[in-house]
């Protein structure tokens, strides 16, 4: 114990000396303009990846012109079906209701024990462009077992691809303090920090859920922020206060909020038996904490 206290005291003394030195440097005019050292994080120490996108890459541009999403970016309006697993619980139904407000042109259909392949065929024949299937899992609560949303399957119709996500940290609008009310305006879309070829595929897939002609008068914005292969989904309304002279915006969250983690990317529409996978998350691929795929 004495050795531990002595080492801890030495470390605290070193930290205190550094703080005092930094205060002196801030007052010194010669050292005031000295650039600050950037702290090391997993993000800025990321391992080099050959699939990281380079600006104005001709190969990437040609891929975008020929991929499954080209019709949508040529002006096709998205039309989405949202359904759930069989026997959904109350939290899952509440999430569906909030997603219907989040995604314009979305409709809810009860699962009714239909197979996913049959749903894809039925929806594709009726002009739907996307299919979202939400799943639930058991979570141990204080008093009894509770089923909460835990997965999301996104199928782009009719040609695919199919993306499977793990869902976590779900917070419904009713659980957000001082939330804003949602309107029927088409939202703006922000896709942030998708840096690789796989990340580009994922970002284009989620883009197909939202119209390309946002209504700026509604001041709604939906954000998909990718950090360390997690997709943080947020829904806000913004306003420019008069005292800021239009330079800074103030945000008010609408909800819902949740986090997604990509599990697999399958070529074509959903086919669990004979489908080909472009990418599957495997633990053996995680050779380092500084290696990211999106």
C-alpha atoms as a PDB file:
ATOM      1  CA  UNK A   1       0.000   0.000   0.000  1.00  0.00           C
ATOM      2  CA  UNK A   2       2.857   2.403   0.828  1.00  0.00           C
ATOM      3  CA  UNK A   3       4.501   1.746  -2.539  1.00  0.00           C
ATOM      4  CA  UNK A   4       1.205   2.349  -4.335  1.00  0.00           C
ATOM      5  CA  UNK A   5       0.632   5.641  -2.503  1.00  0.00           C
ATOM      6  CA  UNK A   6       4.166   6.814  -3.287  1.00  0.00           C
ATOM      7  CA  UNK A   7       3.797   6.037  -7.022  1.00  0.00           C
ATOM      8  CA  UNK A   8       0.396   7.726  -7.129  1.00  0.00           C
ATOM      9  CA  UNK A   9       1.812  10.805  -5.421  1.00  0.00           C
ATOM     10  CA  UNK A  10       4.646  10.998  -7.956  1.00  0.00           C
ATOM     11  CA  UNK A  11       2.221  10.766 -10.885  1.00  0.00           C
ATOM     12  CA  UNK A  12       0.011  13.508  -9.431  1.00  0.00           C
ATOM     13  CA  UNK A  13       3.069  15.719  -8.977  1.00  0.00           C
ATOM     14  CA  UNK A  14       4.056  15.203 -12.626  1.00  0.00           C
ATOM     15  CA  UNK A  15       0.527  16.077 -13.793  1.00  0.00           C
ATOM     16  CA  UNK A  16       0.493  19.202 -11.637  1.00  0.00           C
ATOM     17  CA  UNK A  17       3.851  20.330 -13.027  1.00  0.00           C
ATOM     18  CA  UNK A  18       2.570  19.867 -16.596  1.00  0.00           C
ATOM     19  CA  UNK A  19      -0.568  21.923 -15.872  1.00  0.00           C
ATOM     20  CA  UNK A  20       1.483  24.757 -14.369  1.00  0.00           C
ATOM     21  CA  UNK A  21       3.872  24.696 -17.323  1.00  0.00           C
ATOM     22  CA  UNK A  22       0.979  24.847 -19.798  1.00  0.00           C
ATOM     23  CA  UNK A  23      -0.414  27.908 -17.967  1.00  0.00           C
ATOM     24  CA  UNK A  24       2.976  29.618 -18.213  1.00  0.00           C
ATOM     25  CA  UNK A  25       3.232  28.770 -21.927  1.00  0.00           C
ATOM     26  CA  UNK A  26      -0.221  30.280 -22.511  1.00  0.00           C
ATOM     27  CA  UNK A  27       0.980  33.611 -21.091  1.00  0.00           C
ATOM     28  CA  UNK A  28       4.310  33.552 -22.959  1.00  0.00           C
ATOM     29  CA  UNK A  29       3.873  35.393 -26.307  1.00  0.00           C
ATOM     30  CA  UNK A  30       6.573  33.277 -27.973  1.00  0.00           C
ATOM     31  CA  UNK A  31       4.940  29.978 -27.046  1.00  0.00           C
ATOM     32  CA  UNK A  32       1.336  31.169 -27.314  1.00  0.00           C
ATOM     33  CA  UNK A  33       1.130  30.589 -31.073  1.00  0.00           C
ATOM     34  CA  UNK A  34       2.826  27.210 -30.845  1.00  0.00           C
ATOM     35  CA  UNK A  35       0.547  24.515 -32.313  1.00  0.00           C
ATOM     36  CA  UNK A  36      -1.058  22.283 -29.711  1.00  0.00           C
ATOM     37  CA  UNK A  37      -0.197  18.611 -29.648  1.00  0.00           C
ATOM     38  CA  UNK A  38      -2.955  16.386 -31.007  1.00  0.00           C
ATOM     39  CA  UNK A  39      -3.954  13.606 -28.585  1.00  0.00           C
ATOM     40  CA  UNK A  40      -3.617  10.072 -29.879  1.00  0.00           C
ATOM     41  CA  UNK A  41      -6.918   8.302 -30.439  1.00  0.00           C
ATOM     42  CA  UNK A  42      -8.037   5.137 -32.184  1.00  0.00           C
ATOM     43  CA  UNK A  43      -9.456   7.294 -34.981  1.00  0.00           C
ATOM     44  CA  UNK A  44      -6.326   9.237 -35.905  1.00  0.00           C
ATOM     45  CA  UNK A  45      -4.124   6.166 -35.345  1.00  0.00           C
ATOM     46  CA  UNK A  46      -6.234   4.074 -37.718  1.00  0.00           C
ATOM     47  CA  UNK A  47      -4.384   1.398 -39.671  1.00  0.00           C
ATOM     48  CA  UNK A  48      -3.808   2.099 -43.361  1.00  0.00           C
ATOM     49  CA  UNK A  49      -6.445   0.560 -45.626  1.00  0.00           C
ATOM     50  CA  UNK A  50      -6.125   0.230 -49.390  1.00  0.00           C
ATOM     51  CA  UNK A  51      -9.907   0.547 -49.796  1.00  0.00           C
ATOM     52  CA  UNK A  52     -10.000   4.088 -48.366  1.00  0.00           C
ATOM     53  CA  UNK A  53     -11.566   6.383 -50.964  1.00  0.00           C
ATOM     54  CA  UNK A  54      -9.545   9.032 -52.753  1.00  0.00           C
ATOM     55  CA  UNK A  55     -11.269  12.209 -53.940  1.00  0.00           C
ATOM     56  CA  UNK A  56     -12.305  12.180 -57.616  1.00  0.00           C
ATOM     57  CA  UNK A  57     -11.571   8.482 -58.070  1.00  0.00           C
ATOM     58  CA  UNK A  58     -12.628   7.535 -61.614  1.00  0.00           C
ATOM     59  CA  UNK A  59     -13.179   3.865 -60.704  1.00  0.00           C
ATOM     60  CA  UNK A  60     -15.475   4.793 -57.824  1.00  0.00           C
ATOM     61  CA  UNK A  61     -17.454   7.151 -60.058  1.00  0.00           C
ATOM     62  CA  UNK A  62     -18.021   4.384 -62.635  1.00  0.00           C
ATOM     63  CA  UNK A  63     -19.096   1.965 -59.904  1.00  0.00           C
ATOM     64  CA  UNK A  64     -21.672   4.469 -58.662  1.00  0.00           C
ATOM     65  CA  UNK A  65     -23.061   4.875 -62.178  1.00  0.00           C
ATOM     66  CA  UNK A  66     -23.560   1.118 -62.534  1.00  0.00           C
ATOM     67  CA  UNK A  67     -24.596  -0.034 -59.047  1.00  0.00           C
ATOM     68  CA  UNK A  68     -28.059  -1.034 -57.814  1.00  0.00           C
ATOM     69  CA  UNK A  69     -28.827   2.453 -56.471  1.00  0.00           C
ATOM     70  CA  UNK A  70     -28.449   4.354 -59.756  1.00  0.00           C
ATOM     71  CA  UNK A  71     -32.228   4.543 -60.374  1.00  0.00           C
ATOM     72  CA  UNK A  72     -32.747   6.262 -57.054  1.00  0.00           C
ATOM     73  CA  UNK A  73     -30.045   8.860 -57.666  1.00  0.00           C
ATOM     74  CA  UNK A  74     -31.534   9.483 -61.109  1.00  0.00           C
ATOM     75  CA  UNK A  75     -34.700  10.767 -59.434  1.00  0.00           C
ATOM     76  CA  UNK A  76     -36.786   7.747 -58.399  1.00  0.00           C
ATOM     77  CA  UNK A  77     -38.808   8.397 -55.233  1.00  0.00           C
ATOM     78  CA  UNK A  78     -38.187   5.917 -52.403  1.00  0.00           C
ATOM     79  CA  UNK A  79     -41.037   3.795 -51.107  1.00  0.00           C
ATOM     80  CA  UNK A  80     -40.327   1.670 -48.054  1.00  0.00           C
ATOM     81  CA  UNK A  81     -42.056  -1.215 -46.288  1.00  0.00           C
ATOM     82  CA  UNK A  82     -41.388  -1.561 -42.554  1.00  0.00           C
ATOM     83  CA  UNK A  83     -42.245  -4.800 -40.819  1.00  0.00           C
ATOM     84  CA  UNK A  84     -41.056  -6.795 -37.801  1.00  0.00           C
ATOM     85  CA  UNK A  85     -40.371 -10.291 -36.629  1.00  0.00           C
ATOM     86  CA  UNK A  86     -43.322 -12.456 -35.668  1.00  0.00           C
ATOM     87  CA  UNK A  87     -45.069 -11.537 -32.411  1.00  0.00           C
ATOM     88  CA  UNK A  88     -43.421  -8.132 -31.878  1.00  0.00           C
ATOM     89  CA  UNK A  89     -43.356  -6.641 -28.396  1.00  0.00           C
ATOM     90  CA  UNK A  90     -44.466  -3.169 -27.376  1.00  0.00           C
ATOM     91  CA  UNK A  91     -40.975  -1.539 -27.617  1.00  0.00           C
ATOM     92  CA  UNK A  92     -40.610  -2.803 -31.192  1.00  0.00           C
ATOM     93  CA  UNK A  93     -44.031  -1.470 -32.212  1.00  0.00           C
ATOM     94  CA  UNK A  94     -43.158   1.924 -30.701  1.00  0.00           C
ATOM     95  CA  UNK A  95     -39.923   1.968 -32.705  1.00  0.00           C
ATOM     96  CA  UNK A  96     -41.877   1.201 -35.885  1.00  0.00           C
ATOM     97  CA  UNK A  97     -44.175   4.167 -35.222  1.00  0.00           C
ATOM     98  CA  UNK A  98     -41.223   6.520 -34.806  1.00  0.00           C
ATOM     99  CA  UNK A  99     -39.537   5.174 -37.969  1.00  0.00           C
ATOM    100  CA  UNK A 100     -42.708   5.884 -39.947  1.00  0.00           C
ATOM    101  CA  UNK A 101     -42.262   9.559 -39.006  1.00  0.00           C
ATOM    102  CA  UNK A 102     -38.505   9.440 -39.607  1.00  0.00           C
ATOM    103  CA  UNK A 103     -38.566   7.920 -43.124  1.00  0.00           C
ATOM    104  CA  UNK A 104     -40.841   9.667 -45.684  1.00  0.00           C
ATOM    105  CA  UNK A 105     -42.865   7.378 -47.921  1.00  0.00           C
ATOM    106  CA  UNK A 106     -42.744   4.440 -45.489  1.00  0.00           C
ATOM    107  CA  UNK A 107     -45.602   2.046 -44.703  1.00  0.00           C
ATOM    108  CA  UNK A 108     -46.067  -0.580 -42.010  1.00  0.00           C
ATOM    109  CA  UNK A 109     -47.294  -4.093 -42.817  1.00  0.00           C
ATOM    110  CA  UNK A 110     -47.784  -6.807 -40.219  1.00  0.00           C
ATOM    111  CA  UNK A 111     -45.471  -9.827 -40.681  1.00  0.00           C
ATOM    112  CA  UNK A 112     -48.161 -12.526 -40.389  1.00  0.00           C
ATOM    113  CA  UNK A 113     -45.603 -15.362 -40.541  1.00  0.00           C
ATOM    114  CA  UNK A 114     -44.684 -14.632 -44.172  1.00  0.00           C
ATOM    115  CA  UNK A 115     -41.220 -15.672 -45.368  1.00  0.00           C
ATOM    116  CA  UNK A 116     -38.753 -12.838 -46.059  1.00  0.00           C
ATOM    117  CA  UNK A 117     -38.204 -13.976 -49.671  1.00  0.00           C
ATOM    118  CA  UNK A 118     -41.968 -13.903 -50.300  1.00  0.00           C
ATOM    119  CA  UNK A 119     -42.191 -10.397 -48.812  1.00  0.00           C
ATOM    120  CA  UNK A 120     -39.351  -9.191 -51.069  1.00  0.00           C
ATOM    121  CA  UNK A 121     -41.077 -10.585 -54.163  1.00  0.00           C
ATOM    122  CA  UNK A 122     -44.478  -9.143 -53.192  1.00  0.00           C
ATOM    123  CA  UNK A 123     -43.041  -5.706 -52.383  1.00  0.00           C
ATOM    124  CA  UNK A 124     -40.915  -5.546 -55.539  1.00  0.00           C
ATOM    125  CA  UNK A 125     -43.926  -6.296 -57.740  1.00  0.00           C
ATOM    126  CA  UNK A 126     -45.815  -3.379 -56.160  1.00  0.00           C
ATOM    127  CA  UNK A 127     -43.163  -0.737 -56.687  1.00  0.00           C
ATOM    128  CA  UNK A 128     -41.557  -0.641 -53.250  1.00  0.00           C
ATOM    129  CA  UNK A 129     -37.856   0.225 -53.277  1.00  0.00           C
ATOM    130  CA  UNK A 130     -36.832  -0.769 -49.743  1.00  0.00           C
ATOM    131  CA  UNK A 131     -37.746  -3.313 -47.103  1.00  0.00           C
ATOM    132  CA  UNK A 132     -36.882  -2.904 -43.419  1.00  0.00           C
ATOM    133  CA  UNK A 133     -37.362  -5.811 -41.015  1.00  0.00           C
ATOM    134  CA  UNK A 134     -36.841  -5.150 -37.316  1.00  0.00           C
ATOM    135  CA  UNK A 135     -35.976  -7.887 -34.835  1.00  0.00           C
ATOM    136  CA  UNK A 136     -36.112  -8.101 -31.069  1.00  0.00           C
ATOM    137  CA  UNK A 137     -34.161  -9.909 -28.382  1.00  0.00           C
ATOM    138  CA  UNK A 138     -34.445 -10.579 -24.686  1.00  0.00           C
ATOM    139  CA  UNK A 139     -32.881  -8.188 -22.228  1.00  0.00           C
ATOM    140  CA  UNK A 140     -32.705  -8.912 -18.528  1.00  0.00           C
ATOM    141  CA  UNK A 141     -34.509  -6.200 -16.598  1.00  0.00           C
ATOM    142  CA  UNK A 142     -34.833  -5.493 -12.911  1.00  0.00           C
ATOM    143  CA  UNK A 143     -38.030  -7.448 -12.457  1.00  0.00           C
ATOM    144  CA  UNK A 144     -38.578  -9.629 -15.516  1.00  0.00           C
ATOM    145  CA  UNK A 145     -37.244 -10.448 -18.952  1.00  0.00           C
ATOM    146  CA  UNK A 146     -37.942  -7.685 -21.488  1.00  0.00           C
ATOM    147  CA  UNK A 147     -37.799  -7.881 -25.285  1.00  0.00           C
ATOM    148  CA  UNK A 148     -36.135  -4.895 -26.966  1.00  0.00           C
ATOM    149  CA  UNK A 149     -35.159  -4.058 -30.589  1.00  0.00           C
ATOM    150  CA  UNK A 150     -31.815  -5.658 -31.432  1.00  0.00           C
ATOM    151  CA  UNK A 151     -31.511  -6.066 -35.221  1.00  0.00           C
ATOM    152  CA  UNK A 152     -32.422  -4.470 -38.538  1.00  0.00           C
ATOM    153  CA  UNK A 153     -32.439  -5.998 -42.010  1.00  0.00           C
ATOM    154  CA  UNK A 154     -32.389  -3.535 -44.923  1.00  0.00           C
ATOM    155  CA  UNK A 155     -33.181  -4.896 -48.395  1.00  0.00           C
ATOM    156  CA  UNK A 156     -32.982  -2.680 -51.468  1.00  0.00           C
ATOM    157  CA  UNK A 157     -35.598  -3.836 -53.966  1.00  0.00           C
ATOM    158  CA  UNK A 158     -35.696  -5.491 -56.391  1.00  0.00           C
ATOM    159  CA  UNK A 159     -31.985  -6.043 -57.132  1.00  0.00           C
ATOM    160  CA  UNK A 160     -30.511  -5.823 -53.623  1.00  0.00           C
ATOM    161  CA  UNK A 161     -28.157  -5.560 -51.846  1.00  0.00           C
ATOM    162  CA  UNK A 162     -29.187  -6.794 -48.395  1.00  0.00           C
ATOM    163  CA  UNK A 163     -27.618  -5.290 -45.280  1.00  0.00           C
ATOM    164  CA  UNK A 164     -27.876  -6.861 -41.846  1.00  0.00           C
ATOM    165  CA  UNK A 165     -27.289  -4.662 -38.786  1.00  0.00           C
ATOM    166  CA  UNK A 166     -27.122  -5.164 -35.049  1.00  0.00           C
ATOM    167  CA  UNK A 167     -29.149  -2.471 -33.296  1.00  0.00           C
ATOM    168  CA  UNK A 168     -28.445  -1.076 -29.845  1.00  0.00           C
ATOM    169  CA  UNK A 169     -28.891   2.005 -27.626  1.00  0.00           C
ATOM    170  CA  UNK A 170     -32.441   2.600 -28.863  1.00  0.00           C
ATOM    171  CA  UNK A 171     -34.113   5.684 -27.425  1.00  0.00           C
ATOM    172  CA  UNK A 172     -37.654   6.529 -28.502  1.00  0.00           C
ATOM    173  CA  UNK A 173     -38.942  10.104 -28.868  1.00  0.00           C
ATOM    174  CA  UNK A 174     -40.989   9.848 -25.660  1.00  0.00           C
ATOM    175  CA  UNK A 175     -37.775   9.115 -23.745  1.00  0.00           C
ATOM    176  CA  UNK A 176     -35.976  12.250 -24.985  1.00  0.00           C
ATOM    177  CA  UNK A 177     -36.268  15.365 -22.822  1.00  0.00           C
ATOM    178  CA  UNK A 178     -37.401  18.611 -24.454  1.00  0.00           C
ATOM    179  CA  UNK A 179     -37.834  16.899 -27.788  1.00  0.00           C
ATOM    180  CA  UNK A 180     -39.181  18.689 -30.846  1.00  0.00           C
ATOM    181  CA  UNK A 181     -42.340  17.669 -32.646  1.00  0.00           C
ATOM    182  CA  UNK A 182     -41.913  15.930 -35.957  1.00  0.00           C
ATOM    183  CA  UNK A 183     -43.407  17.423 -39.137  1.00  0.00           C
ATOM    184  CA  UNK A 184     -44.186  15.935 -42.543  1.00  0.00           C
ATOM    185  CA  UNK A 185     -41.439  17.871 -44.338  1.00  0.00           C
ATOM    186  CA  UNK A 186     -38.854  15.844 -46.241  1.00  0.00           C
ATOM    187  CA  UNK A 187     -35.653  15.845 -44.148  1.00  0.00           C
ATOM    188  CA  UNK A 188     -32.131  16.740 -45.129  1.00  0.00           C
ATOM    189  CA  UNK A 189     -29.622  13.903 -44.918  1.00  0.00           C
ATOM    190  CA  UNK A 190     -26.082  14.021 -43.496  1.00  0.00           C
ATOM    191  CA  UNK A 191     -23.723  11.096 -44.119  1.00  0.00           C
ATOM    192  CA  UNK A 192     -20.504  11.555 -42.206  1.00  0.00           C
ATOM    193  CA  UNK A 193     -17.172   9.708 -42.066  1.00  0.00           C
ATOM    194  CA  UNK A 194     -17.826   6.852 -44.514  1.00  0.00           C
ATOM    195  CA  UNK A 195     -14.289   6.539 -45.860  1.00  0.00           C
ATOM    196  CA  UNK A 196     -13.898   3.118 -47.542  1.00  0.00           C
ATOM    197  CA  UNK A 197     -15.452   1.326 -50.516  1.00  0.00           C
ATOM    198  CA  UNK A 198     -17.585  -0.720 -48.117  1.00  0.00           C
ATOM    199  CA  UNK A 199     -18.556   2.457 -46.286  1.00  0.00           C
ATOM    200  CA  UNK A 200     -19.621   4.011 -49.592  1.00  0.00           C
ATOM    201  CA  UNK A 201     -21.909   1.036 -50.293  1.00  0.00           C
ATOM    202  CA  UNK A 202     -23.503   1.348 -46.862  1.00  0.00           C
ATOM    203  CA  UNK A 203     -23.973   5.114 -47.181  1.00  0.00           C
ATOM    204  CA  UNK A 204     -25.632   4.787 -50.594  1.00  0.00           C
ATOM    205  CA  UNK A 205     -27.929   2.072 -49.214  1.00  0.00           C
ATOM    206  CA  UNK A 206     -29.203   4.247 -46.361  1.00  0.00           C
ATOM    207  CA  UNK A 207     -29.470   7.226 -48.754  1.00  0.00           C
ATOM    208  CA  UNK A 208     -32.084   5.284 -50.707  1.00  0.00           C
ATOM    209  CA  UNK A 209     -34.442   5.519 -47.733  1.00  0.00           C
ATOM    210  CA  UNK A 210     -34.800   9.300 -48.062  1.00  0.00           C
ATOM    211  CA  UNK A 211     -35.894  11.598 -50.915  1.00  0.00           C
ATOM    212  CA  UNK A 212     -33.241  13.567 -52.758  1.00  0.00           C
ATOM    213  CA  UNK A 213     -35.306  16.779 -52.724  1.00  0.00           C
ATOM    214  CA  UNK A 214     -35.423  17.878 -49.052  1.00  0.00           C
ATOM    215  CA  UNK A 215     -37.820  20.605 -47.932  1.00  0.00           C
ATOM    216  CA  UNK A 216     -35.574  23.114 -46.212  1.00  0.00           C
ATOM    217  CA  UNK A 217     -38.516  24.998 -44.707  1.00  0.00           C
ATOM    218  CA  UNK A 218     -39.078  22.069 -42.308  1.00  0.00           C
ATOM    219  CA  UNK A 219     -35.514  22.372 -40.920  1.00  0.00           C
ATOM    220  CA  UNK A 220     -35.416  18.610 -40.337  1.00  0.00           C
ATOM    221  CA  UNK A 221     -32.116  16.758 -40.600  1.00  0.00           C
ATOM    222  CA  UNK A 222     -31.301  13.054 -40.259  1.00  0.00           C
ATOM    223  CA  UNK A 223     -27.679  12.166 -39.527  1.00  0.00           C
ATOM    224  CA  UNK A 224     -25.808   8.906 -40.063  1.00  0.00           C
ATOM    225  CA  UNK A 225     -22.430   9.362 -38.388  1.00  0.00           C
ATOM    226  CA  UNK A 226     -19.926   6.522 -38.786  1.00  0.00           C
ATOM    227  CA  UNK A 227     -17.288   6.180 -36.085  1.00  0.00           C
ATOM    228  CA  UNK A 228     -15.233   3.048 -35.433  1.00  0.00           C
ATOM    229  CA  UNK A 229     -17.624   1.034 -37.646  1.00  0.00           C
ATOM    230  CA  UNK A 230     -20.688   2.086 -35.623  1.00  0.00           C
ATOM    231  CA  UNK A 231     -23.492   4.084 -37.275  1.00  0.00           C
ATOM    232  CA  UNK A 232     -25.001   6.637 -34.928  1.00  0.00           C
ATOM    233  CA  UNK A 233     -28.451   7.669 -36.167  1.00  0.00           C
ATOM    234  CA  UNK A 234     -29.909  10.993 -34.991  1.00  0.00           C
ATOM    235  CA  UNK A 235     -32.940  13.089 -35.943  1.00  0.00           C
ATOM    236  CA  UNK A 236     -32.965  16.837 -35.230  1.00  0.00           C
ATOM    237  CA  UNK A 237     -34.618  20.119 -36.052  1.00  0.00           C
ATOM    238  CA  UNK A 238     -32.313  23.115 -36.367  1.00  0.00           C
ATOM    239  CA  UNK A 239     -32.799  26.857 -36.025  1.00  0.00           C
ATOM    240  CA  UNK A 240     -30.499  29.828 -36.564  1.00  0.00           C
ATOM    241  CA  UNK A 241     -30.824  32.195 -33.559  1.00  0.00           C
ATOM    242  CA  UNK A 242     -30.832  35.898 -34.387  1.00  0.00           C
ATOM    243  CA  UNK A 243     -28.075  36.637 -31.879  1.00  0.00           C
ATOM    244  CA  UNK A 244     -25.721  34.278 -33.774  1.00  0.00           C
ATOM    245  CA  UNK A 245     -26.249  36.160 -37.083  1.00  0.00           C
ATOM    246  CA  UNK A 246     -26.791  32.909 -38.962  1.00  0.00           C
ATOM    247  CA  UNK A 247     -23.302  31.601 -38.164  1.00  0.00           C
ATOM    248  CA  UNK A 248     -24.281  28.851 -35.727  1.00  0.00           C
ATOM    249  CA  UNK A 249     -27.340  26.619 -35.575  1.00  0.00           C
ATOM    250  CA  UNK A 250     -29.121  25.378 -32.492  1.00  0.00           C
ATOM    251  CA  UNK A 251     -30.308  21.767 -32.510  1.00  0.00           C
ATOM    252  CA  UNK A 252     -33.365  20.227 -30.899  1.00  0.00           C
ATOM    253  CA  UNK A 253     -33.615  16.465 -31.051  1.00  0.00           C
ATOM    254  CA  UNK A 254     -36.764  14.866 -32.422  1.00  0.00           C
ATOM    255  CA  UNK A 255     -35.919  11.182 -32.128  1.00  0.00           C
ATOM    256  CA  UNK A 256     -35.650   8.294 -32.352  1.00  0.00           C
ATOM    257  CA  UNK A 257     -31.958   7.673 -31.777  1.00  0.00           C
ATOM    258  CA  UNK A 258     -30.172   4.348 -32.140  1.00  0.00           C
ATOM    259  CA  UNK A 259     -26.850   2.768 -33.080  1.00  0.00           C
ATOM    260  CA  UNK A 260     -26.204   0.260 -35.877  1.00  0.00           C
ATOM    261  CA  UNK A 261     -23.305  -2.144 -36.430  1.00  0.00           C
ATOM    262  CA  UNK A 262     -22.975  -3.819 -39.842  1.00  0.00           C
ATOM    263  CA  UNK A 263     -22.968  -7.616 -39.631  1.00  0.00           C
ATOM    264  CA  UNK A 264     -23.085  -8.543 -43.321  1.00  0.00           C
ATOM    265  CA  UNK A 265     -23.606  -7.199 -46.838  1.00  0.00           C
ATOM    266  CA  UNK A 266     -25.198  -9.627 -49.268  1.00  0.00           C
ATOM    267  CA  UNK A 267     -25.349  -9.254 -53.040  1.00  0.00           C
ATOM    268  CA  UNK A 268     -28.898  -9.238 -54.384  1.00  0.00           C
ATOM    269  CA  UNK A 269     -32.153  -9.554 -52.471  1.00  0.00           C
ATOM    270  CA  UNK A 270     -32.342 -11.627 -49.297  1.00  0.00           C
ATOM    271  CA  UNK A 271     -31.388 -15.290 -49.770  1.00  0.00           C
ATOM    272  CA  UNK A 272     -30.090 -17.030 -46.659  1.00  0.00           C
ATOM    273  CA  UNK A 273     -29.331 -20.354 -48.389  1.00  0.00           C
ATOM    274  CA  UNK A 274     -27.700 -19.475 -51.741  1.00  0.00           C
ATOM    275  CA  UNK A 275     -26.912 -15.775 -51.439  1.00  0.00           C
ATOM    276  CA  UNK A 276     -23.410 -14.436 -52.118  1.00  0.00           C
ATOM    277  CA  UNK A 277     -21.904 -12.135 -49.509  1.00  0.00           C
ATOM    278  CA  UNK A 278     -19.738  -9.136 -50.311  1.00  0.00           C
ATOM    279  CA  UNK A 279     -18.696  -8.770 -46.679  1.00  0.00           C
ATOM    280  CA  UNK A 280     -19.294 -10.609 -43.388  1.00  0.00           C
ATOM    281  CA  UNK A 281     -18.156  -9.453 -39.981  1.00  0.00           C
ATOM    282  CA  UNK A 282     -15.915 -12.050 -38.390  1.00  0.00           C
ATOM    283  CA  UNK A 283     -14.002 -11.811 -35.133  1.00  0.00           C
ATOM    284  CA  UNK A 284     -10.851 -13.229 -36.733  1.00  0.00           C
ATOM    285  CA  UNK A 285     -10.738 -10.168 -39.013  1.00  0.00           C
ATOM    286  CA  UNK A 286     -10.432  -7.879 -36.006  1.00  0.00           C
ATOM    287  CA  UNK A 287      -6.672  -8.160 -35.746  1.00  0.00           C
ATOM    288  CA  UNK A 288      -6.304  -4.743 -34.129  1.00  0.00           C
ATOM    289  CA  UNK A 289      -8.380  -2.144 -32.305  1.00  0.00           C
ATOM    290  CA  UNK A 290      -7.150   0.383 -34.866  1.00  0.00           C
ATOM    291  CA  UNK A 291      -8.554  -1.502 -37.868  1.00  0.00           C
ATOM    292  CA  UNK A 292     -11.903  -0.280 -39.197  1.00  0.00           C
ATOM    293  CA  UNK A 293     -13.893  -1.373 -42.239  1.00  0.00           C
ATOM    294  CA  UNK A 294     -16.268   1.546 -42.910  1.00  0.00           C
END
